[in-house]
Protein backbone atom coordinates (compact mmCIF):
# COMPACT_ATOMS: atom_id res chain seq x y z
CA MET A 1 0.00 0.00 0.00
CA GLY A 2 1.26 3.45 -0.87
CA LYS A 3 1.99 6.32 1.46
CA GLU A 4 -1.09 8.23 2.59
CA ILE A 5 -1.29 11.71 1.08
CA GLU A 6 -4.52 12.88 2.72
CA SER A 7 -7.65 11.56 4.41
CA TYR A 8 -10.92 13.33 5.16
CA LYS A 9 -14.66 12.80 5.42
CA ILE A 10 -17.51 13.89 3.19
CA GLY A 11 -20.45 13.41 5.54
CA LYS A 12 -20.37 9.68 6.41
CA ILE A 13 -17.98 8.85 3.55
CA GLU A 14 -14.34 8.37 4.53
CA VAL A 15 -11.94 9.31 1.73
CA GLN A 16 -8.28 8.28 1.71
CA ILE A 17 -5.77 9.43 -0.91
CA THR A 18 -2.62 7.32 -1.30
CA GLU A 19 0.34 7.05 -3.65
CA THR A 20 0.41 4.36 -6.35
CA ASP A 21 3.27 2.65 -8.18
CA ASN A 22 2.80 5.22 -10.94
CA PRO A 23 4.29 8.52 -9.66
CA THR A 24 1.75 10.60 -11.61
CA ARG A 25 -1.36 8.82 -10.27
CA LEU A 26 -3.04 8.78 -6.86
CA LYS A 27 -5.48 6.19 -5.53
CA VAL A 28 -8.75 7.45 -4.04
CA GLU A 29 -10.51 5.02 -1.68
CA CYS A 30 -14.01 5.79 -0.42
CA ASN A 31 -15.94 3.91 2.25
CA ASP A 32 -19.15 4.71 4.12
CA GLY A 33 -19.33 1.49 6.13
CA THR A 34 -21.68 -0.19 3.63
CA TYR A 35 -20.27 0.63 0.22
CA ARG A 36 -16.64 0.84 -0.85
CA SER A 37 -15.22 2.39 -4.01
CA SER A 38 -11.75 3.12 -5.33
CA PHE A 39 -10.34 4.79 -8.42
CA THR A 40 -7.21 6.62 -9.54
CA VAL A 41 -6.72 10.26 -10.47
CA SER A 42 -3.76 12.27 -11.66
CA GLU A 43 -2.04 14.60 -9.20
CA TYR A 44 -3.22 17.51 -11.36
CA GLU A 45 -6.86 16.37 -11.12
CA PHE A 46 -6.56 15.97 -7.36
CA LYS A 47 -5.03 19.40 -6.83
CA HIS A 48 -7.18 21.36 -9.26
CA TYR A 49 -10.50 19.47 -9.40
CA LYS A 50 -10.84 18.17 -5.84
CA ARG A 51 -14.19 19.90 -5.30
CA HIS A 52 -15.60 18.35 -8.48
CA MET A 53 -14.19 14.92 -7.49
CA ASN A 54 -15.82 15.18 -4.04
CA GLN A 55 -19.19 16.04 -5.60
CA LYS A 56 -18.95 12.99 -7.88
CA ILE A 57 -18.12 10.80 -4.86
CA LYS A 58 -21.18 12.12 -2.96
CA ASN A 59 -23.45 11.57 -5.96
CA ALA A 60 -22.15 8.02 -6.55
CA PHE A 61 -22.74 6.99 -2.93
CA LYS A 62 -26.17 8.67 -2.91
CA ALA A 63 -27.12 6.66 -6.01
CA GLU A 64 -26.20 3.42 -4.19
CA TYR A 65 -28.94 4.11 -1.64
CA GLU A 66 -31.67 5.00 -4.15
C-alpha cells in the first residue's frame, strides 16, 4: 500500500488518498461502512479538481442508496 497523502470525510464517507506505483497517479478510496469504491486520479486532477471529485463521490454513494 502506498503512502497516505490525505484523508478526510464527506459526511459519512471516509476518503483516503494514497500514492500508487505510478508517480503521476493517486489512488482514491471511499468507504461509508456499507459501500466501498476506489479509483485513480492524476495529481493535477486531485489538486485542481478536488471539489468536483468530491461532488462525484457524494453523488455516486447517494445513487447506491436510491
